Amino acid sequence: VAIALTRRLLWGMQSVPDPETAHLHESRALHW
């Protein structure tokens, strides 16, 4: 499960505009 989420994050962050967006998505994944 952690690998599936990590894969989603790493690929998905290739298209976000700034690290703030990455921070928010990472925080949700880390919270869970």
PDB file of all heavy atoms in Angstrom:
ATOM      1  N   VAL A   1       0.830  -1.203   0.000  1.00  0.00           N
ATOM      2  CA  VAL A   1       0.000   0.000   0.000  1.00  0.00           C
ATOM      3  C   VAL A   1       0.868   1.259   0.000  1.00  0.00           C
ATOM      4  O   VAL A   1       0.615   2.207  -0.755  1.00  0.00           O
ATOM      5  CB  VAL A   1      -0.967  -0.010   1.196  1.00  0.00           C
ATOM      6  CG1 VAL A   1      -1.625   1.361   1.376  1.00  0.00           C
ATOM      7  CG2 VAL A   1      -2.044  -1.073   0.982  1.00  0.00           C
ATOM      8  N   ALA A   2       1.919   1.277   0.814  1.00  0.00           N
ATOM      9  CA  ALA A   2       2.808   2.444   0.835  1.00  0.00           C
ATOM     10  C   ALA A   2       3.477   2.642  -0.515  1.00  0.00           C
ATOM     11  O   ALA A   2       3.668   3.781  -0.961  1.00  0.00           O
ATOM     12  CB  ALA A   2       3.857   2.293   1.928  1.00  0.00           C
ATOM     13  N   ILE A   3       3.832   1.544  -1.195  1.00  0.00           N
ATOM     14  CA  ILE A   3       4.450   1.664  -2.513  1.00  0.00           C
ATOM     15  C   ILE A   3       3.457   2.195  -3.531  1.00  0.00           C
ATOM     16  O   ILE A   3       3.792   3.042  -4.368  1.00  0.00           O
ATOM     17  CB  ILE A   3       5.038   0.313  -2.959  1.00  0.00           C
ATOM     18  CG1 ILE A   3       6.249  -0.055  -2.096  1.00  0.00           C
ATOM     19  CG2 ILE A   3       5.427   0.344  -4.435  1.00  0.00           C
ATOM     20  CD1 ILE A   3       7.388   0.934  -2.161  1.00  0.00           C
ATOM     21  N   ALA A   4       2.224   1.717  -3.489  1.00  0.00           N
ATOM     22  CA  ALA A   4       1.206   2.225  -4.421  1.00  0.00           C
ATOM     23  C   ALA A   4       1.001   3.723  -4.227  1.00  0.00           C
ATOM     24  O   ALA A   4       0.888   4.484  -5.201  1.00  0.00           O
ATOM     25  CB  ALA A   4      -0.103   1.475  -4.225  1.00  0.00           C
ATOM     26  N   LEU A   5       0.953   4.170  -2.960  1.00  0.00           N
ATOM     27  CA  LEU A   5       0.776   5.596  -2.692  1.00  0.00           C
ATOM     28  C   LEU A   5       2.010   6.399  -3.100  1.00  0.00           C
ATOM     29  O   LEU A   5       1.895   7.515  -3.632  1.00  0.00           O
ATOM     30  CB  LEU A   5       0.467   5.806  -1.209  1.00  0.00           C
ATOM     31  CG  LEU A   5      -0.870   5.257  -0.726  1.00  0.00           C
ATOM     32  CD1 LEU A   5      -0.969   5.384   0.794  1.00  0.00           C
ATOM     33  CD2 LEU A   5      -2.033   5.974  -1.404  1.00  0.00           C
ATOM     34  N   THR A   6       3.188   5.852  -2.849  1.00  0.00           N
ATOM     35  CA  THR A   6       4.423   6.537  -3.230  1.00  0.00           C
ATOM     36  C   THR A   6       4.519   6.689  -4.737  1.00  0.00           C
ATOM     37  O   THR A   6       4.912   7.749  -5.250  1.00  0.00           O
ATOM     38  CB  THR A   6       5.640   5.768  -2.694  1.00  0.00           C
ATOM     39  OG1 THR A   6       5.558   5.699  -1.268  1.00  0.00           O
ATOM     40  CG2 THR A   6       6.940   6.442  -3.087  1.00  0.00           C
ATOM     41  N   ARG A   7       4.160   5.632  -5.462  1.00  0.00           N
ATOM     42  CA  ARG A   7       4.174   5.710  -6.931  1.00  0.00           C
ATOM     43  C   ARG A   7       3.226   6.812  -7.416  1.00  0.00           C
ATOM     44  O   ARG A   7       3.567   7.603  -8.286  1.00  0.00           O
ATOM     45  CB  ARG A   7       3.769   4.361  -7.529  1.00  0.00           C
ATOM     46  CG  ARG A   7       3.900   4.307  -9.051  1.00  0.00           C
ATOM     47  CD  ARG A   7       3.516   2.945  -9.614  1.00  0.00           C
ATOM     48  NE  ARG A   7       3.989   2.831 -10.993  1.00  0.00           N
ATOM     49  CZ  ARG A   7       3.316   3.252 -12.064  1.00  0.00           C
ATOM     50  NH1 ARG A   7       2.124   3.812 -11.894  1.00  0.00           N
ATOM     51  NH2 ARG A   7       3.826   3.141 -13.271  1.00  0.00           N
ATOM     52  N   ARG A   8       2.042   6.841  -6.833  1.00  0.00           N
ATOM     53  CA  ARG A   8       1.064   7.871  -7.200  1.00  0.00           C
ATOM     54  C   ARG A   8       1.605   9.269  -6.923  1.00  0.00           C
ATOM     55  O   ARG A   8       1.449  10.187  -7.738  1.00  0.00           O
ATOM     56  CB  ARG A   8      -0.224   7.622  -6.422  1.00  0.00           C
ATOM     57  CG  ARG A   8      -1.280   8.696  -6.563  1.00  0.00           C
ATOM     58  CD  ARG A   8      -2.456   8.357  -5.677  1.00  0.00           C
ATOM     59  NE  ARG A   8      -3.404   9.466  -5.609  1.00  0.00           N
ATOM     60  CZ  ARG A   8      -4.462   9.485  -4.822  1.00  0.00           C
ATOM     61  NH1 ARG A   8      -4.715   8.455  -4.042  1.00  0.00           N
ATOM     62  NH2 ARG A   8      -5.271  10.520  -4.798  1.00  0.00           N
ATOM     63  N   LEU A   9       2.247   9.459  -5.780  1.00  0.00           N
ATOM     64  CA  LEU A   9       2.773  10.767  -5.435  1.00  0.00           C
ATOM     65  C   LEU A   9       3.912  11.191  -6.352  1.00  0.00           C
ATOM     66  O   LEU A   9       3.928  12.318  -6.877  1.00  0.00           O
ATOM     67  CB  LEU A   9       3.259  10.763  -3.983  1.00  0.00           C
ATOM     68  CG  LEU A   9       2.185  10.805  -2.894  1.00  0.00           C
ATOM     69  CD1 LEU A   9       2.784  10.460  -1.543  1.00  0.00           C
ATOM     70  CD2 LEU A   9       1.510  12.176  -2.854  1.00  0.00           C
ATOM     71  N   LEU A  10       4.875  10.305  -6.561  1.00  0.00           N
ATOM     72  CA  LEU A  10       6.047  10.689  -7.358  1.00  0.00           C
ATOM     73  C   LEU A  10       5.668  11.021  -8.797  1.00  0.00           C
ATOM     74  O   LEU A  10       6.142  12.017  -9.360  1.00  0.00           O
ATOM     75  CB  LEU A  10       7.089   9.575  -7.309  1.00  0.00           C
ATOM     76  CG  LEU A  10       7.885   9.491  -6.005  1.00  0.00           C
ATOM     77  CD1 LEU A  10       8.689   8.198  -5.950  1.00  0.00           C
ATOM     78  CD2 LEU A  10       8.821  10.688  -5.874  1.00  0.00           C
ATOM     79  N   TRP A  11       4.825  10.186  -9.407  1.00  0.00           N
ATOM     80  CA  TRP A  11       4.408  10.503 -10.771  1.00  0.00           C
ATOM     81  C   TRP A  11       3.495  11.725 -10.797  1.00  0.00           C
ATOM     82  O   TRP A  11       3.633  12.603 -11.653  1.00  0.00           O
ATOM     83  CB  TRP A  11       3.695   9.300 -11.396  1.00  0.00           C
ATOM     84  CG  TRP A  11       4.622   8.283 -11.981  1.00  0.00           C
ATOM     85  CD1 TRP A  11       4.849   7.015 -11.521  1.00  0.00           C
ATOM     86  CD2 TRP A  11       5.453   8.441 -13.137  1.00  0.00           C
ATOM     87  NE1 TRP A  11       5.764   6.376 -12.321  1.00  0.00           N
ATOM     88  CE2 TRP A  11       6.151   7.220 -13.319  1.00  0.00           C
ATOM     89  CE3 TRP A  11       5.674   9.484 -14.029  1.00  0.00           C
ATOM     90  CZ2 TRP A  11       7.048   7.025 -14.370  1.00  0.00           C
ATOM     91  CZ3 TRP A  11       6.570   9.294 -15.076  1.00  0.00           C
ATOM     92  CH2 TRP A  11       7.243   8.076 -15.230  1.00  0.00           C
ATOM     93  N   GLY A  12       2.562  11.796  -9.856  1.00  0.00           N
ATOM     94  CA  GLY A  12       1.606  12.895  -9.863  1.00  0.00           C
ATOM     95  C   GLY A  12       2.246  14.251  -9.645  1.00  0.00           C
ATOM     96  O   GLY A  12       1.802  15.260 -10.206  1.00  0.00           O
ATOM     97  N   MET A  13       3.309  14.308  -8.861  1.00  0.00           N
ATOM     98  CA  MET A  13       3.948  15.587  -8.574  1.00  0.00           C
ATOM     99  C   MET A  13       4.719  16.156  -9.765  1.00  0.00           C
ATOM    100  O   MET A  13       5.188  17.291  -9.716  1.00  0.00           O
ATOM    101  CB  MET A  13       4.884  15.448  -7.371  1.00  0.00           C
ATOM    102  CG  MET A  13       4.179  15.223  -6.069  1.00  0.00           C
ATOM    103  SD  MET A  13       2.852  16.411  -5.753  1.00  0.00           S
ATOM    104  CE  MET A  13       1.540  15.296  -5.289  1.00  0.00           C
ATOM    105  N   GLN A  14       4.832  15.382 -10.848  1.00  0.00           N
ATOM    106  CA  GLN A  14       5.495  15.907 -12.037  1.00  0.00           C
ATOM    107  C   GLN A  14       4.693  17.030 -12.708  1.00  0.00           C
ATOM    108  O   GLN A  14       5.218  17.745 -13.550  1.00  0.00           O
ATOM    109  CB  GLN A  14       5.737  14.782 -13.052  1.00  0.00           C
ATOM    110  CG  GLN A  14       6.594  13.647 -12.530  1.00  0.00           C
ATOM    111  CD  GLN A  14       7.916  14.138 -11.974  1.00  0.00           C
ATOM    112  OE1 GLN A  14       8.692  14.752 -12.695  1.00  0.00           O
ATOM    113  NE2 GLN A  14       8.154  13.881 -10.699  1.00  0.00           N
ATOM    114  N   SER A  15       3.433  17.153 -12.343  1.00  0.00           N
ATOM    115  CA  SER A  15       2.599  18.147 -13.029  1.00  0.00           C
ATOM    116  C   SER A  15       2.049  19.228 -12.115  1.00  0.00           C
ATOM    117  O   SER A  15       1.280  20.072 -12.566  1.00  0.00           O
ATOM    118  CB  SER A  15       1.418  17.440 -13.720  1.00  0.00           C
ATOM    119  OG  SER A  15       0.626  16.747 -12.764  1.00  0.00           O
ATOM    120  N   VAL A  16       2.425  19.229 -10.845  1.00  0.00           N
ATOM    121  CA  VAL A  16       1.888  20.254  -9.953  1.00  0.00           C
ATOM    122  C   VAL A  16       2.753  21.512 -10.030  1.00  0.00           C
ATOM    123  O   VAL A  16       3.930  21.449 -10.382  1.00  0.00           O
ATOM    124  CB  VAL A  16       1.787  19.753  -8.502  1.00  0.00           C
ATOM    125  CG1 VAL A  16       0.889  18.525  -8.425  1.00  0.00           C
ATOM    126  CG2 VAL A  16       3.153  19.470  -7.911  1.00  0.00           C
ATOM    127  N   PRO A  17       2.185  22.681  -9.694  1.00  0.00           N
ATOM    128  CA  PRO A  17       2.902  23.931  -9.946  1.00  0.00           C
ATOM    129  C   PRO A  17       3.960  24.314  -8.920  1.00  0.00           C
ATOM    130  O   PRO A  17       4.831  25.137  -9.217  1.00  0.00           O
ATOM    131  CB  PRO A  17       1.773  24.974  -9.966  1.00  0.00           C
ATOM    132  CG  PRO A  17       0.724  24.388  -9.063  1.00  0.00           C
ATOM    133  CD  PRO A  17       0.789  22.907  -9.295  1.00  0.00           C
ATOM    134  N   ASP A  18       3.881  23.745  -7.711  1.00  0.00           N
ATOM    135  CA  ASP A  18       4.790  24.230  -6.674  1.00  0.00           C
ATOM    136  C   ASP A  18       4.929  23.185  -5.574  1.00  0.00           C
ATOM    137  O   ASP A  18       4.122  22.258  -5.473  1.00  0.00           O
ATOM    138  CB  ASP A  18       4.266  25.552  -6.083  1.00  0.00           C
ATOM    139  CG  ASP A  18       2.826  25.436  -5.626  1.00  0.00           C
ATOM    140  OD1 ASP A  18       2.521  24.521  -4.830  1.00  0.00           O
ATOM    141  OD2 ASP A  18       1.994  26.254  -6.073  1.00  0.00           O
ATOM    142  N   PRO A  19       5.958  23.310  -4.713  1.00  0.00           N
ATOM    143  CA  PRO A  19       6.148  22.342  -3.630  1.00  0.00           C
ATOM    144  C   PRO A  19       5.062  22.390  -2.574  1.00  0.00           C
ATOM    145  O   PRO A  19       4.868  21.418  -1.846  1.00  0.00           O
ATOM    146  CB  PRO A  19       7.519  22.713  -3.057  1.00  0.00           C
ATOM    147  CG  PRO A  19       7.762  24.121  -3.466  1.00  0.00           C
ATOM    148  CD  PRO A  19       7.079  24.275  -4.784  1.00  0.00           C
ATOM    149  N   GLU A  20       4.354  23.496  -2.473  1.00  0.00           N
ATOM    150  CA  GLU A  20       3.252  23.574  -1.519  1.00  0.00           C
ATOM    151  C   GLU A  20       2.192  22.512  -1.835  1.00  0.00           C
ATOM    152  O   GLU A  20       1.655  21.857  -0.931  1.00  0.00           O
ATOM    153  CB  GLU A  20       2.620  24.973  -1.555  1.00  0.00           C
ATOM    154  CG  GLU A  20       1.406  25.151  -0.644  1.00  0.00           C
ATOM    155  CD  GLU A  20       1.774  25.238   0.826  1.00  0.00           C
ATOM    156  OE1 GLU A  20       2.957  25.472   1.134  1.00  0.00           O
ATOM    157  OE2 GLU A  20       0.867  25.076   1.659  1.00  0.00           O
ATOM    158  N   THR A  21       1.897  22.354  -3.127  1.00  0.00           N
ATOM    159  CA  THR A  21       0.926  21.344  -3.528  1.00  0.00           C
ATOM    160  C   THR A  21       1.425  19.950  -3.153  1.00  0.00           C
ATOM    161  O   THR A  21       0.675  19.121  -2.649  1.00  0.00           O
ATOM    162  CB  THR A  21       0.667  21.423  -5.044  1.00  0.00           C
ATOM    163  OG1 THR A  21       0.268  22.754  -5.381  1.00  0.00           O
ATOM    164  CG2 THR A  21      -0.426  20.454  -5.473  1.00  0.00           C
ATOM    165  N   ALA A  22       2.709  19.704  -3.411  1.00  0.00           N
ATOM    166  CA  ALA A  22       3.291  18.418  -3.029  1.00  0.00           C
ATOM    167  C   ALA A  22       3.182  18.205  -1.524  1.00  0.00           C
ATOM    168  O   ALA A  22       2.850  17.110  -1.049  1.00  0.00           O
ATOM    169  CB  ALA A  22       4.746  18.343  -3.482  1.00  0.00           C
ATOM    170  N   HIS A  23       3.464  19.245  -0.764  1.00  0.00           N
ATOM    171  CA  HIS A  23       3.404  19.161   0.694  1.00  0.00           C
ATOM    172  C   HIS A  23       2.012  18.751   1.168  1.00  0.00           C
ATOM    173  O   HIS A  23       1.859  17.901   2.059  1.00  0.00           O
ATOM    174  CB  HIS A  23       3.802  20.506   1.292  1.00  0.00           C
ATOM    175  CG  HIS A  23       3.506  20.646   2.750  1.00  0.00           C
ATOM    176  ND1 HIS A  23       4.126  19.874   3.715  1.00  0.00           N
ATOM    177  CD2 HIS A  23       2.638  21.456   3.411  1.00  0.00           C
ATOM    178  CE1 HIS A  23       3.661  20.210   4.909  1.00  0.00           C
ATOM    179  NE2 HIS A  23       2.766  21.155   4.757  1.00  0.00           N
ATOM    180  N   LEU A  24       0.983  19.323   0.568  1.00  0.00           N
ATOM    181  CA  LEU A  24      -0.382  19.023   0.991  1.00  0.00           C
ATOM    182  C   LEU A  24      -0.742  17.572   0.700  1.00  0.00           C
ATOM    183  O   LEU A  24      -1.334  16.875   1.534  1.00  0.00           O
ATOM    184  CB  LEU A  24      -1.367  19.976   0.302  1.00  0.00           C
ATOM    185  CG  LEU A  24      -1.263  21.444   0.722  1.00  0.00           C
ATOM    186  CD1 LEU A  24      -2.177  22.309  -0.138  1.00  0.00           C
ATOM    187  CD2 LEU A  24      -1.579  21.624   2.203  1.00  0.00           C
ATOM    188  N   HIS A  25      -0.378  17.092  -0.506  1.00  0.00           N
ATOM    189  CA  HIS A  25      -0.690  15.699  -0.859  1.00  0.00           C
ATOM    190  C   HIS A  25       0.155  14.720  -0.035  1.00  0.00           C
ATOM    191  O   HIS A  25      -0.345  13.677   0.405  1.00  0.00           O
ATOM    192  CB  HIS A  25      -0.483  15.478  -2.352  1.00  0.00           C
ATOM    193  CG  HIS A  25      -1.579  16.039  -3.201  1.00  0.00           C
ATOM    194  ND1 HIS A  25      -2.774  15.376  -3.406  1.00  0.00           N
ATOM    195  CD2 HIS A  25      -1.674  17.205  -3.886  1.00  0.00           C
ATOM    196  CE1 HIS A  25      -3.562  16.100  -4.184  1.00  0.00           C
ATOM    197  NE2 HIS A  25      -2.913  17.213  -4.491  1.00  0.00           N
ATOM    198  N   GLU A  26       1.419  15.042   0.170  1.00  0.00           N
ATOM    199  CA  GLU A  26       2.251  14.180   1.012  1.00  0.00           C
ATOM    200  C   GLU A  26       1.707  14.115   2.436  1.00  0.00           C
ATOM    201  O   GLU A  26       1.719  13.058   3.080  1.00  0.00           O
ATOM    202  CB  GLU A  26       3.687  14.707   1.033  1.00  0.00           C
ATOM    203  CG  GLU A  26       4.454  14.489  -0.250  1.00  0.00           C
ATOM    204  CD  GLU A  26       5.822  15.145  -0.208  1.00  0.00           C
ATOM    205  OE1 GLU A  26       6.167  15.721   0.848  1.00  0.00           O
ATOM    206  OE2 GLU A  26       6.536  15.085  -1.227  1.00  0.00           O
ATOM    207  N   SER A  27       1.240  15.258   2.946  1.00  0.00           N
ATOM    208  CA  SER A  27       0.729  15.291   4.318  1.00  0.00           C
ATOM    209  C   SER A  27      -0.493  14.394   4.470  1.00  0.00           C
ATOM    210  O   SER A  27      -0.647  13.700   5.487  1.00  0.00           O
ATOM    211  CB  SER A  27       0.388  16.730   4.715  1.00  0.00           C
ATOM    212  OG  SER A  27       1.556  17.531   4.745  1.00  0.00           O
ATOM    213  N   ARG A  28      -1.382  14.405   3.468  1.00  0.00           N
ATOM    214  CA  ARG A  28      -2.554  13.523   3.535  1.00  0.00           C
ATOM    215  C   ARG A  28      -2.126  12.059   3.561  1.00  0.00           C
ATOM    216  O   ARG A  28      -2.665  11.253   4.330  1.00  0.00           O
ATOM    217  CB  ARG A  28      -3.472  13.790   2.344  1.00  0.00           C
ATOM    218  CG  ARG A  28      -4.142  15.161   2.338  1.00  0.00           C
ATOM    219  CD  ARG A  28      -5.134  15.277   1.200  1.00  0.00           C
ATOM    220  NE  ARG A  28      -5.702  16.614   1.096  1.00  0.00           N
ATOM    221  CZ  ARG A  28      -5.366  17.493   0.153  1.00  0.00           C
ATOM    222  NH1 ARG A  28      -4.454  17.180  -0.749  1.00  0.00           N
ATOM    223  NH2 ARG A  28      -5.928  18.690   0.129  1.00  0.00           N
ATOM    224  N   ALA A  29      -1.170  11.712   2.684  1.00  0.00           N
ATOM    225  CA  ALA A  29      -0.704  10.326   2.633  1.00  0.00           C
ATOM    226  C   ALA A  29      -0.005   9.931   3.932  1.00  0.00           C
ATOM    227  O   ALA A  29      -0.202   8.833   4.464  1.00  0.00           O
ATOM    228  CB  ALA A  29       0.229  10.135   1.437  1.00  0.00           C
ATOM    229  N   LEU A  30       0.812  10.841   4.464  1.00  0.00           N
ATOM    230  CA  LEU A  30       1.496  10.559   5.724  1.00  0.00           C
ATOM    231  C   LEU A  30       0.509  10.443   6.889  1.00  0.00           C
ATOM    232  O   LEU A  30       0.688   9.616   7.789  1.00  0.00           O
ATOM    233  CB  LEU A  30       2.513  11.667   6.013  1.00  0.00           C
ATOM    234  CG  LEU A  30       3.837  11.575   5.263  1.00  0.00           C
ATOM    235  CD1 LEU A  30       4.594  12.896   5.351  1.00  0.00           C
ATOM    236  CD2 LEU A  30       4.691  10.446   5.829  1.00  0.00           C
ATOM    237  N   HIS A  31      -0.523  11.278   6.884  1.00  0.00           N
ATOM    238  CA  HIS A  31      -1.534  11.219   7.937  1.00  0.00           C
ATOM    239  C   HIS A  31      -2.193   9.852   7.958  1.00  0.00           C
ATOM    240  O   HIS A  31      -2.417   9.255   9.017  1.00  0.00           O
ATOM    241  CB  HIS A  31      -2.576  12.320   7.720  1.00  0.00           C
ATOM    242  CG  HIS A  31      -3.611  12.405   8.792  1.00  0.00           C
ATOM    243  ND1 HIS A  31      -4.790  11.671   8.751  1.00  0.00           N
ATOM    244  CD2 HIS A  31      -3.653  13.114   9.950  1.00  0.00           C
ATOM    245  CE1 HIS A  31      -5.507  11.938   9.824  1.00  0.00           C
ATOM    246  NE2 HIS A  31      -4.842  12.807  10.567  1.00  0.00           N
ATOM    247  N   TRP A  32      -2.498   9.329   6.765  1.00  0.00           N
ATOM    248  CA  TRP A  32      -3.157   8.023   6.703  1.00  0.00           C
ATOM    249  C   TRP A  32      -2.187   6.888   7.025  1.00  0.00           C
ATOM    250  O   TRP A  32      -2.479   6.036   7.871  1.00  0.00           O
ATOM    251  CB  TRP A  32      -3.767   7.808   5.312  1.00  0.00           C
ATOM    252  CG  TRP A  32      -4.606   6.571   5.262  1.00  0.00           C
ATOM    253  CD1 TRP A  32      -5.939   6.475   5.540  1.00  0.00           C
ATOM    254  CD2 TRP A  32      -4.159   5.248   4.967  1.00  0.00           C
ATOM    255  NE1 TRP A  32      -6.362   5.169   5.429  1.00  0.00           N
ATOM    256  CE2 TRP A  32      -5.280   4.391   5.069  1.00  0.00           C
ATOM    257  CE3 TRP A  32      -2.930   4.698   4.618  1.00  0.00           C
ATOM    258  CZ2 TRP A  32      -5.208   3.016   4.850  1.00  0.00           C
ATOM    259  CZ3 TRP A  32      -2.847   3.322   4.386  1.00  0.00           C
ATOM    260  CH2 TRP A  32      -3.966   2.499   4.505  1.00  0.00           C
TER     261      TRP A  32
END
